[in-house]
């Protein structure tokens, strides 16, 4: 259909009120049916968070999106608050009962930063941050058991440490059903 034909058709539809309403209704019923979800919220109540720290609107939106969708990319510039957003999503999902355990995997140099940021935002959070000594070959099984048995709000380890967790195919398959019944969030930085 040429541009002139489109223009004539539009004028014809708009000149007839009943036809305009019919075309408008058909368009809304068949095409205009989806609405992009709006995650902006000013009413996010972060129980247990430091009352002196207020998240920016884009952080609140990112946190709420992360809680709702459980898979979120925080496409924010350096210094834009991605760590606060990730930590808040993790601790809010835990508080809401959406997940049982949170594992944060980050570069080795950022493990301490994650711990510091979480403790700043949630001063009473029960955090286990693994340092290099705590995850040596001799201590690995002890720390994995500690993670499994205790009720941490978040466990933080480096990507290098995460790769050292033994993966036994038989145990992995046997535990798969158990793991699928538990909601576990993993944040990879």
N, C-alpha and C. Protein backbone atom coordinates (compact mmCIF):
# COMPACT_ATOMS: atom_id res chain seq x y z
N UNK A 1 0.86 -1.17 0.00
CA UNK A 1 0.00 0.00 0.00
C UNK A 1 0.91 1.23 0.00
N UNK A 2 0.63 2.12 -0.92
CA UNK A 2 1.45 3.33 -1.03
C UNK A 2 1.11 4.30 0.10
N UNK A 3 1.95 5.30 0.25
CA UNK A 3 1.75 6.31 1.28
C UNK A 3 0.46 7.09 1.03
N UNK A 4 0.16 7.35 -0.22
CA UNK A 4 -1.08 8.08 -0.56
C UNK A 4 -2.29 7.23 -0.21
N UNK A 5 -2.24 5.93 -0.53
CA UNK A 5 -3.36 5.05 -0.19
C UNK A 5 -3.55 4.96 1.32
N UNK A 6 -2.43 4.90 2.07
CA UNK A 6 -2.53 4.86 3.53
C UNK A 6 -3.19 6.13 4.06
N UNK A 7 -2.80 7.26 3.50
CA UNK A 7 -3.36 8.54 3.93
C UNK A 7 -4.87 8.60 3.63
N UNK A 8 -5.28 8.17 2.43
CA UNK A 8 -6.71 8.16 2.07
C UNK A 8 -7.50 7.23 2.98
N UNK A 9 -6.92 6.06 3.28
CA UNK A 9 -7.61 5.12 4.17
C UNK A 9 -7.75 5.72 5.57
N UNK A 10 -6.71 6.36 6.07
CA UNK A 10 -6.77 6.99 7.39
C UNK A 10 -7.83 8.08 7.42
N UNK A 11 -7.89 8.91 6.40
CA UNK A 11 -8.92 9.96 6.34
C UNK A 11 -10.32 9.36 6.30
N UNK A 12 -10.48 8.27 5.54
CA UNK A 12 -11.77 7.61 5.45
C UNK A 12 -12.20 7.07 6.82
N UNK A 13 -11.28 6.40 7.53
CA UNK A 13 -11.60 5.83 8.84
C UNK A 13 -11.92 6.95 9.84
N UNK A 14 -11.12 8.00 9.84
CA UNK A 14 -11.33 9.08 10.79
C UNK A 14 -12.58 9.91 10.50
N UNK A 15 -13.05 9.88 9.26
CA UNK A 15 -14.24 10.65 8.92
C UNK A 15 -15.54 9.98 9.38
N UNK A 16 -15.48 8.70 9.68
CA UNK A 16 -16.66 7.94 10.11
C UNK A 16 -16.46 7.53 11.58
N UNK A 17 -17.20 8.16 12.48
CA UNK A 17 -17.02 7.93 13.93
C UNK A 17 -17.21 6.47 14.32
N UNK A 18 -18.25 5.81 13.80
CA UNK A 18 -18.50 4.40 14.15
C UNK A 18 -17.38 3.50 13.65
N UNK A 19 -16.91 3.74 12.42
CA UNK A 19 -15.82 2.95 11.87
C UNK A 19 -14.53 3.20 12.65
N UNK A 20 -14.27 4.47 13.01
CA UNK A 20 -13.08 4.80 13.80
C UNK A 20 -13.06 4.03 15.11
N UNK A 21 -14.21 4.01 15.81
CA UNK A 21 -14.30 3.28 17.09
C UNK A 21 -14.09 1.78 16.88
N UNK A 22 -14.65 1.25 15.79
CA UNK A 22 -14.52 -0.18 15.49
C UNK A 22 -13.06 -0.55 15.20
N UNK A 23 -12.39 0.26 14.40
CA UNK A 23 -10.98 0.01 14.07
C UNK A 23 -10.12 0.17 15.33
N UNK A 24 -10.41 1.19 16.12
CA UNK A 24 -9.67 1.43 17.36
C UNK A 24 -9.81 0.25 18.31
N UNK A 25 -11.04 -0.26 18.46
CA UNK A 25 -11.28 -1.41 19.36
C UNK A 25 -10.57 -2.66 18.85
N UNK A 26 -10.64 -2.90 17.53
CA UNK A 26 -9.97 -4.07 16.95
C UNK A 26 -8.46 -3.98 17.15
N UNK A 27 -7.89 -2.78 16.96
CA UNK A 27 -6.46 -2.59 17.17
C UNK A 27 -6.09 -2.87 18.63
N UNK A 28 -6.84 -2.31 19.56
CA UNK A 28 -6.54 -2.51 20.98
C UNK A 28 -6.72 -3.96 21.41
N UNK A 29 -7.70 -4.65 20.85
CA UNK A 29 -7.94 -6.05 21.21
C UNK A 29 -6.87 -6.98 20.66
N UNK A 30 -6.39 -6.71 19.46
CA UNK A 30 -5.48 -7.64 18.80
C UNK A 30 -4.00 -7.25 18.88
N UNK A 31 -3.71 -5.98 18.88
CA UNK A 31 -2.31 -5.54 18.79
C UNK A 31 -1.83 -4.85 20.06
N UNK A 32 -2.60 -3.97 20.60
CA UNK A 32 -2.17 -3.16 21.73
C UNK A 32 -2.54 -3.85 23.05
N UNK A 33 -2.09 -5.10 23.21
CA UNK A 33 -2.52 -5.89 24.37
C UNK A 33 -1.48 -5.99 25.47
N UNK A 34 -0.25 -5.69 25.15
CA UNK A 34 0.82 -5.84 26.14
C UNK A 34 1.25 -4.49 26.68
N UNK A 35 1.58 -4.49 27.94
CA UNK A 35 2.09 -3.28 28.58
C UNK A 35 3.43 -3.62 29.21
N UNK A 36 4.43 -2.82 28.93
CA UNK A 36 5.74 -3.04 29.52
C UNK A 36 5.63 -2.81 31.02
N UNK A 37 6.13 -3.75 31.78
CA UNK A 37 6.04 -3.67 33.23
C UNK A 37 6.89 -2.52 33.76
N UNK A 38 6.33 -1.77 34.69
CA UNK A 38 7.03 -0.64 35.28
C UNK A 38 7.51 -1.05 36.67
N UNK A 39 8.82 -1.05 36.86
CA UNK A 39 9.39 -1.47 38.13
C UNK A 39 9.75 -0.30 39.03
N UNK A 40 9.44 0.91 38.59
CA UNK A 40 9.72 2.07 39.43
C UNK A 40 8.81 2.05 40.65
N UNK A 41 9.39 2.14 41.81
CA UNK A 41 8.60 2.15 43.02
C UNK A 41 9.25 3.06 44.05
N UNK A 42 8.47 3.86 44.67
CA UNK A 42 8.98 4.71 45.74
C UNK A 42 8.63 4.12 47.09
N UNK A 43 7.91 3.01 47.11
CA UNK A 43 7.40 2.46 48.36
C UNK A 43 8.14 1.19 48.79
N UNK A 44 9.31 0.95 48.27
CA UNK A 44 10.07 -0.24 48.63
C UNK A 44 10.50 -0.16 50.08
N UNK A 45 10.03 -1.11 50.89
CA UNK A 45 10.32 -1.12 52.32
C UNK A 45 11.42 -2.15 52.59
N UNK A 46 12.61 -1.69 52.86
CA UNK A 46 13.76 -2.58 53.06
C UNK A 46 13.94 -2.82 54.55
N UNK A 47 13.30 -3.85 55.06
CA UNK A 47 13.40 -4.18 56.48
C UNK A 47 14.81 -4.65 56.81
N UNK A 48 15.37 -4.09 57.86
CA UNK A 48 16.72 -4.46 58.28
C UNK A 48 17.81 -3.66 57.63
N UNK A 49 17.45 -2.83 56.65
CA UNK A 49 18.46 -2.01 55.98
C UNK A 49 18.79 -0.79 56.84
N UNK A 50 19.97 -0.28 56.65
CA UNK A 50 20.42 0.92 57.34
C UNK A 50 19.47 2.08 57.00
N UNK A 51 18.79 2.66 57.99
CA UNK A 51 17.82 3.73 57.70
C UNK A 51 18.48 5.02 57.20
N UNK A 52 19.78 5.14 57.37
CA UNK A 52 20.49 6.33 56.91
C UNK A 52 20.87 6.26 55.43
N UNK A 53 20.66 5.10 54.82
CA UNK A 53 20.99 4.93 53.41
C UNK A 53 19.69 4.85 52.62
N UNK A 54 19.55 5.76 51.68
CA UNK A 54 18.38 5.79 50.80
C UNK A 54 18.84 5.45 49.39
N UNK A 55 18.22 4.45 48.80
CA UNK A 55 18.56 4.09 47.43
C UNK A 55 17.99 5.13 46.47
N UNK A 56 18.69 5.35 45.38
CA UNK A 56 18.21 6.24 44.34
C UNK A 56 17.04 5.57 43.61
N UNK A 57 16.21 6.35 42.91
CA UNK A 57 15.06 5.75 42.20
C UNK A 57 15.46 4.63 41.25
N UNK A 58 16.57 4.79 40.50
CA UNK A 58 16.97 3.72 39.58
C UNK A 58 17.40 2.46 40.35
N UNK A 59 17.93 2.63 41.57
CA UNK A 59 18.30 1.47 42.38
C UNK A 59 17.04 0.77 42.90
N UNK A 60 16.07 1.55 43.38
CA UNK A 60 14.80 0.96 43.83
C UNK A 60 14.15 0.17 42.70
N UNK A 61 14.14 0.75 41.49
CA UNK A 61 13.54 0.07 40.34
C UNK A 61 14.30 -1.22 40.03
N UNK A 62 15.64 -1.16 40.08
CA UNK A 62 16.44 -2.35 39.82
C UNK A 62 16.23 -3.42 40.86
N UNK A 63 16.13 -3.02 42.13
CA UNK A 63 15.90 -3.99 43.21
C UNK A 63 14.54 -4.65 43.03
N UNK A 64 13.52 -3.86 42.78
CA UNK A 64 12.18 -4.43 42.65
C UNK A 64 12.11 -5.34 41.44
N UNK A 65 12.76 -4.96 40.35
CA UNK A 65 12.79 -5.81 39.16
C UNK A 65 13.51 -7.13 39.49
N UNK A 66 14.64 -7.04 40.20
CA UNK A 66 15.38 -8.25 40.57
C UNK A 66 14.58 -9.18 41.46
N UNK A 67 13.83 -8.61 42.40
CA UNK A 67 13.00 -9.43 43.29
C UNK A 67 11.88 -10.08 42.50
N UNK A 68 11.25 -9.34 41.60
CA UNK A 68 10.11 -9.85 40.84
C UNK A 68 10.52 -10.84 39.76
N UNK A 69 11.55 -10.53 39.01
CA UNK A 69 11.92 -11.34 37.84
C UNK A 69 12.94 -12.42 38.15
N UNK A 70 13.75 -12.23 39.16
CA UNK A 70 14.78 -13.17 39.60
C UNK A 70 15.87 -13.41 38.58
N UNK A 71 15.90 -12.63 37.51
CA UNK A 71 17.00 -12.65 36.55
C UNK A 71 17.08 -11.25 35.98
N UNK A 72 18.06 -10.50 36.39
CA UNK A 72 18.12 -9.09 36.05
C UNK A 72 19.54 -8.67 35.73
N UNK A 73 19.67 -7.84 34.72
CA UNK A 73 20.95 -7.22 34.39
C UNK A 73 20.90 -5.79 34.89
N UNK A 74 21.87 -5.41 35.71
CA UNK A 74 21.98 -4.03 36.18
C UNK A 74 22.95 -3.32 35.25
N UNK A 75 22.44 -2.69 34.22
CA UNK A 75 23.26 -1.99 33.24
C UNK A 75 23.44 -0.55 33.71
N UNK A 76 24.33 -0.38 34.67
CA UNK A 76 24.54 0.91 35.32
C UNK A 76 26.03 1.25 35.24
N UNK A 77 26.33 2.52 35.09
CA UNK A 77 27.73 2.97 35.02
C UNK A 77 28.48 2.65 36.31
N UNK A 78 29.80 2.71 36.23
CA UNK A 78 30.65 2.54 37.40
C UNK A 78 30.23 3.56 38.45
N UNK A 79 30.05 3.10 39.69
CA UNK A 79 29.64 4.00 40.76
C UNK A 79 28.14 4.22 40.82
N UNK A 80 27.37 3.51 40.00
CA UNK A 80 25.93 3.69 39.95
C UNK A 80 25.15 2.88 40.96
N UNK A 81 25.85 2.06 41.76
CA UNK A 81 25.18 1.34 42.83
C UNK A 81 24.78 -0.09 42.51
N UNK A 82 25.51 -0.75 41.61
CA UNK A 82 25.18 -2.13 41.26
C UNK A 82 25.35 -3.08 42.44
N UNK A 83 26.38 -2.88 43.23
CA UNK A 83 26.62 -3.77 44.38
C UNK A 83 25.50 -3.62 45.40
N UNK A 84 25.09 -2.40 45.68
CA UNK A 84 23.96 -2.18 46.60
C UNK A 84 22.71 -2.84 46.05
N UNK A 85 22.48 -2.71 44.74
CA UNK A 85 21.28 -3.31 44.15
C UNK A 85 21.32 -4.83 44.26
N UNK A 86 22.45 -5.43 43.90
CA UNK A 86 22.58 -6.89 43.98
C UNK A 86 22.43 -7.39 45.40
N UNK A 87 23.07 -6.70 46.34
CA UNK A 87 22.98 -7.10 47.75
C UNK A 87 21.55 -6.96 48.25
N UNK A 88 20.89 -5.89 47.88
CA UNK A 88 19.52 -5.67 48.33
C UNK A 88 18.58 -6.71 47.75
N UNK A 89 18.74 -7.03 46.47
CA UNK A 89 17.91 -8.08 45.86
C UNK A 89 18.10 -9.39 46.63
N UNK A 90 19.36 -9.74 46.87
CA UNK A 90 19.66 -11.01 47.55
C UNK A 90 19.04 -11.06 48.94
N UNK A 91 19.24 -10.02 49.73
CA UNK A 91 18.74 -10.03 51.10
C UNK A 91 17.23 -9.87 51.17
N UNK A 92 16.64 -9.13 50.24
CA UNK A 92 15.18 -9.01 50.22
C UNK A 92 14.52 -10.32 49.79
N UNK A 93 15.09 -10.99 48.80
CA UNK A 93 14.54 -12.29 48.40
C UNK A 93 14.62 -13.28 49.56
N UNK A 94 15.71 -13.24 50.30
CA UNK A 94 15.85 -14.13 51.47
C UNK A 94 14.83 -13.76 52.54
N UNK A 95 14.70 -12.46 52.81
CA UNK A 95 13.74 -12.01 53.83
C UNK A 95 12.31 -12.37 53.44
N UNK A 96 11.98 -12.29 52.16
CA UNK A 96 10.63 -12.58 51.70
C UNK A 96 10.36 -14.08 51.57
N UNK A 97 11.38 -14.90 51.80
CA UNK A 97 11.20 -16.35 51.68
C UNK A 97 11.21 -16.85 50.25
N UNK A 98 11.70 -16.04 49.32
CA UNK A 98 11.74 -16.46 47.92
C UNK A 98 12.93 -17.36 47.64
N UNK A 99 13.98 -17.25 48.46
CA UNK A 99 15.16 -18.10 48.33
C UNK A 99 15.59 -18.54 49.73
N UNK A 100 16.37 -19.59 49.79
CA UNK A 100 16.87 -20.09 51.07
C UNK A 100 18.32 -19.68 51.32
N UNK A 101 19.13 -19.69 50.29
CA UNK A 101 20.55 -19.35 50.44
C UNK A 101 20.95 -18.48 49.26
N UNK A 102 21.87 -17.56 49.54
CA UNK A 102 22.39 -16.67 48.50
C UNK A 102 23.89 -16.89 48.39
N UNK A 103 24.36 -17.13 47.19
CA UNK A 103 25.78 -17.26 46.93
C UNK A 103 26.17 -16.14 45.98
N UNK A 104 27.10 -15.33 46.39
CA UNK A 104 27.61 -14.25 45.55
C UNK A 104 29.01 -14.64 45.12
N UNK A 105 29.20 -14.76 43.82
CA UNK A 105 30.50 -15.13 43.24
C UNK A 105 31.05 -13.89 42.56
N UNK A 106 32.24 -13.47 42.98
CA UNK A 106 32.82 -12.25 42.41
C UNK A 106 34.31 -12.46 42.16
N UNK A 107 34.94 -11.54 41.45
CA UNK A 107 36.40 -11.62 41.33
C UNK A 107 37.02 -11.55 42.72
N UNK A 108 38.16 -12.21 42.86
CA UNK A 108 38.84 -12.30 44.16
C UNK A 108 39.04 -10.94 44.81
N UNK A 109 39.36 -9.94 44.00
CA UNK A 109 39.65 -8.61 44.54
C UNK A 109 38.40 -7.89 45.06
N UNK A 110 37.21 -8.39 44.72
CA UNK A 110 35.97 -7.71 45.13
C UNK A 110 35.22 -8.40 46.26
N UNK A 111 35.70 -9.54 46.74
CA UNK A 111 35.00 -10.24 47.83
C UNK A 111 34.87 -9.34 49.05
N UNK A 112 35.95 -8.69 49.44
CA UNK A 112 35.92 -7.78 50.59
C UNK A 112 34.99 -6.59 50.37
N UNK A 113 34.95 -6.09 49.13
CA UNK A 113 34.06 -4.96 48.82
C UNK A 113 32.60 -5.37 48.96
N UNK A 114 32.27 -6.57 48.47
CA UNK A 114 30.89 -7.05 48.60
C UNK A 114 30.51 -7.16 50.08
N UNK A 115 31.41 -7.75 50.87
CA UNK A 115 31.13 -7.90 52.30
C UNK A 115 30.92 -6.53 52.96
N UNK A 116 31.80 -5.59 52.66
CA UNK A 116 31.71 -4.24 53.24
C UNK A 116 30.41 -3.56 52.83
N UNK A 117 30.06 -3.64 51.56
CA UNK A 117 28.84 -2.98 51.06
C UNK A 117 27.59 -3.59 51.71
N UNK A 118 27.55 -4.92 51.82
CA UNK A 118 26.38 -5.56 52.43
C UNK A 118 26.28 -5.17 53.89
N UNK A 119 27.40 -5.20 54.61
CA UNK A 119 27.39 -4.82 56.03
C UNK A 119 27.02 -3.35 56.23
N UNK A 120 27.39 -2.50 55.28
CA UNK A 120 27.01 -1.08 55.36
C UNK A 120 25.50 -0.93 55.17
N UNK A 121 24.96 -1.63 54.20
CA UNK A 121 23.54 -1.52 53.89
C UNK A 121 22.67 -2.30 54.87
N UNK A 122 23.11 -3.49 55.26
CA UNK A 122 22.38 -4.35 56.20
C UNK A 122 23.32 -4.70 57.37
N UNK A 123 23.42 -3.82 58.36
CA UNK A 123 24.39 -4.01 59.44
C UNK A 123 24.24 -5.31 60.23
N UNK A 124 23.04 -5.85 60.32
CA UNK A 124 22.82 -7.07 61.10
C UNK A 124 22.78 -8.33 60.25
N UNK A 125 23.15 -8.22 58.99
CA UNK A 125 23.13 -9.38 58.10
C UNK A 125 24.16 -10.41 58.53
N UNK A 126 23.79 -11.67 58.40
CA UNK A 126 24.67 -12.79 58.72
C UNK A 126 25.40 -13.18 57.44
N UNK A 127 26.63 -12.70 57.29
CA UNK A 127 27.40 -12.85 56.06
C UNK A 127 28.61 -13.74 56.30
N UNK A 128 28.89 -14.61 55.35
CA UNK A 128 30.12 -15.39 55.37
C UNK A 128 30.89 -15.04 54.09
N UNK A 129 32.01 -14.37 54.24
CA UNK A 129 32.88 -14.04 53.11
C UNK A 129 34.13 -14.90 53.24
N UNK A 130 34.39 -15.69 52.23
CA UNK A 130 35.53 -16.61 52.27
C UNK A 130 36.79 -15.90 51.80
N UNK A 131 37.83 -16.00 52.63
CA UNK A 131 39.12 -15.47 52.20
C UNK A 131 39.94 -16.62 51.63
N UNK A 132 41.14 -16.33 51.18
CA UNK A 132 41.96 -17.36 50.54
C UNK A 132 42.30 -18.50 51.49
N UNK A 133 42.57 -18.18 52.77
CA UNK A 133 42.96 -19.21 53.73
C UNK A 133 41.80 -20.13 54.10
N UNK A 134 40.59 -19.59 54.11
CA UNK A 134 39.45 -20.40 54.55
C UNK A 134 39.03 -21.43 53.51
N UNK A 135 39.50 -21.30 52.29
CA UNK A 135 39.05 -22.25 51.27
C UNK A 135 40.22 -23.03 50.67
N UNK A 136 41.25 -23.25 51.50
CA UNK A 136 42.35 -24.11 51.05
C UNK A 136 41.85 -25.53 50.93
N UNK A 137 42.63 -26.37 50.32
CA UNK A 137 42.20 -27.76 50.09
C UNK A 137 41.82 -28.45 51.40
N UNK A 138 42.59 -28.18 52.48
CA UNK A 138 42.30 -28.82 53.77
C UNK A 138 41.03 -28.29 54.41
N UNK A 139 40.70 -27.03 54.18
CA UNK A 139 39.53 -26.41 54.82
C UNK A 139 38.27 -26.43 53.97
N UNK A 140 38.39 -26.80 52.71
CA UNK A 140 37.26 -26.69 51.78
C UNK A 140 36.03 -27.45 52.24
N UNK A 141 36.18 -28.70 52.60
CA UNK A 141 35.02 -29.52 53.02
C UNK A 141 34.38 -28.94 54.26
N UNK A 142 35.20 -28.44 55.19
CA UNK A 142 34.67 -27.84 56.42
C UNK A 142 33.82 -26.60 56.10
N UNK A 143 34.32 -25.77 55.19
CA UNK A 143 33.58 -24.56 54.87
C UNK A 143 32.33 -24.84 54.05
N UNK A 144 32.39 -25.83 53.18
CA UNK A 144 31.18 -26.20 52.44
C UNK A 144 30.10 -26.72 53.39
N UNK A 145 30.52 -27.50 54.38
CA UNK A 145 29.56 -27.98 55.39
C UNK A 145 29.01 -26.82 56.20
N UNK A 146 29.88 -25.88 56.54
CA UNK A 146 29.45 -24.69 57.29
C UNK A 146 28.40 -23.90 56.51
N UNK A 147 28.61 -23.77 55.22
CA UNK A 147 27.64 -23.06 54.36
C UNK A 147 26.32 -23.82 54.33
N UNK A 148 26.41 -25.13 54.21
CA UNK A 148 25.20 -25.95 54.10
C UNK A 148 24.39 -25.94 55.40
N UNK A 149 25.05 -25.99 56.53
CA UNK A 149 24.37 -26.14 57.81
C UNK A 149 23.85 -24.82 58.37
N UNK A 150 24.59 -23.74 58.19
CA UNK A 150 24.22 -22.46 58.79
C UNK A 150 23.25 -21.68 57.90
N UNK A 151 22.54 -20.76 58.53
CA UNK A 151 21.55 -19.96 57.83
C UNK A 151 22.10 -18.57 57.55
N UNK A 152 23.03 -18.48 56.61
CA UNK A 152 23.62 -17.19 56.25
C UNK A 152 22.68 -16.41 55.35
N UNK A 153 22.69 -15.09 55.51
CA UNK A 153 21.93 -14.25 54.59
C UNK A 153 22.61 -14.21 53.23
N UNK A 154 23.92 -14.30 53.23
CA UNK A 154 24.68 -14.35 51.98
C UNK A 154 26.05 -14.97 52.23
N UNK A 155 26.50 -15.74 51.25
CA UNK A 155 27.85 -16.30 51.25
C UNK A 155 28.55 -15.68 50.05
N UNK A 156 29.75 -15.15 50.29
CA UNK A 156 30.50 -14.49 49.23
C UNK A 156 31.80 -15.24 49.02
N UNK A 157 32.06 -15.60 47.78
CA UNK A 157 33.33 -16.27 47.47
C UNK A 157 33.82 -15.81 46.11
N UNK A 158 35.10 -16.04 45.88
CA UNK A 158 35.68 -15.65 44.59
C UNK A 158 35.33 -16.69 43.53
N UNK A 159 35.44 -16.26 42.28
CA UNK A 159 35.18 -17.17 41.17
C UNK A 159 36.17 -18.34 41.20
N UNK A 160 37.41 -18.05 41.62
CA UNK A 160 38.41 -19.11 41.70
C UNK A 160 38.00 -20.16 42.74
N UNK A 161 37.48 -19.70 43.88
CA UNK A 161 37.03 -20.63 44.92
C UNK A 161 35.82 -21.42 44.44
N UNK A 162 34.92 -20.76 43.76
CA UNK A 162 33.71 -21.44 43.26
C UNK A 162 34.09 -22.58 42.32
N UNK A 163 35.11 -22.37 41.50
CA UNK A 163 35.55 -23.40 40.56
C UNK A 163 36.15 -24.60 41.28
N UNK A 164 36.61 -24.42 42.53
CA UNK A 164 37.24 -25.50 43.30
C UNK A 164 36.23 -26.41 43.99
N UNK A 165 34.96 -26.03 43.98
CA UNK A 165 33.96 -26.88 44.63
C UNK A 165 33.86 -28.18 43.85
N UNK A 166 34.09 -29.31 44.52
CA UNK A 166 34.08 -30.59 43.81
C UNK A 166 32.70 -30.89 43.23
N UNK A 167 32.72 -31.45 42.04
CA UNK A 167 31.48 -31.80 41.38
C UNK A 167 31.48 -33.29 41.06
N UNK A 168 30.85 -34.06 41.91
CA UNK A 168 30.73 -35.49 41.73
C UNK A 168 29.46 -35.76 40.91
N UNK A 169 29.56 -36.34 39.73
CA UNK A 169 28.37 -36.53 38.88
C UNK A 169 27.23 -37.28 39.57
N UNK A 170 27.56 -38.35 40.33
CA UNK A 170 26.51 -39.11 41.00
C UNK A 170 25.81 -38.25 42.06
N UNK A 171 26.62 -37.55 42.87
CA UNK A 171 26.03 -36.69 43.90
C UNK A 171 25.25 -35.54 43.28
N UNK A 172 25.78 -35.02 42.18
CA UNK A 172 25.09 -33.91 41.53
C UNK A 172 23.70 -34.35 41.06
N UNK A 173 23.63 -35.49 40.45
CA UNK A 173 22.33 -36.00 39.99
C UNK A 173 21.43 -36.33 41.18
N UNK A 174 21.98 -36.96 42.21
CA UNK A 174 21.18 -37.31 43.39
C UNK A 174 20.64 -36.07 44.10
N UNK A 175 21.44 -35.00 44.13
CA UNK A 175 21.03 -33.77 44.82
C UNK A 175 20.21 -32.83 43.96
N UNK A 176 20.11 -33.12 42.66
CA UNK A 176 19.41 -32.22 41.76
C UNK A 176 17.95 -32.02 42.17
N UNK A 177 17.27 -33.09 42.52
CA UNK A 177 15.86 -32.96 42.93
C UNK A 177 15.74 -32.10 44.18
N UNK A 178 16.65 -32.27 45.13
CA UNK A 178 16.63 -31.46 46.34
C UNK A 178 16.90 -30.00 46.00
N UNK A 179 17.88 -29.76 45.16
CA UNK A 179 18.22 -28.38 44.80
C UNK A 179 17.10 -27.71 44.03
N UNK A 180 16.42 -28.47 43.18
CA UNK A 180 15.32 -27.89 42.42
C UNK A 180 14.15 -27.51 43.32
N UNK A 181 14.02 -28.20 44.44
CA UNK A 181 12.94 -27.85 45.36
C UNK A 181 13.30 -26.65 46.22
N UNK A 182 14.58 -26.30 46.31
CA UNK A 182 15.02 -25.13 47.05
C UNK A 182 15.25 -23.99 46.07
N UNK A 183 14.77 -22.84 46.39
CA UNK A 183 15.05 -21.67 45.56
C UNK A 183 16.36 -21.07 46.04
N UNK A 184 17.37 -21.10 45.21
CA UNK A 184 18.69 -20.58 45.57
C UNK A 184 19.07 -19.52 44.55
N UNK A 185 19.46 -18.36 45.02
CA UNK A 185 19.87 -17.29 44.12
C UNK A 185 21.39 -17.27 44.03
N UNK A 186 21.89 -17.10 42.85
CA UNK A 186 23.32 -16.98 42.63
C UNK A 186 23.56 -15.68 41.89
N UNK A 187 24.38 -14.81 42.44
CA UNK A 187 24.75 -13.57 41.79
C UNK A 187 26.19 -13.70 41.36
N UNK A 188 26.44 -13.52 40.09
CA UNK A 188 27.80 -13.59 39.57
C UNK A 188 28.17 -12.19 39.11
N UNK A 189 29.21 -11.65 39.72
CA UNK A 189 29.64 -10.28 39.42
C UNK A 189 30.69 -10.31 38.34
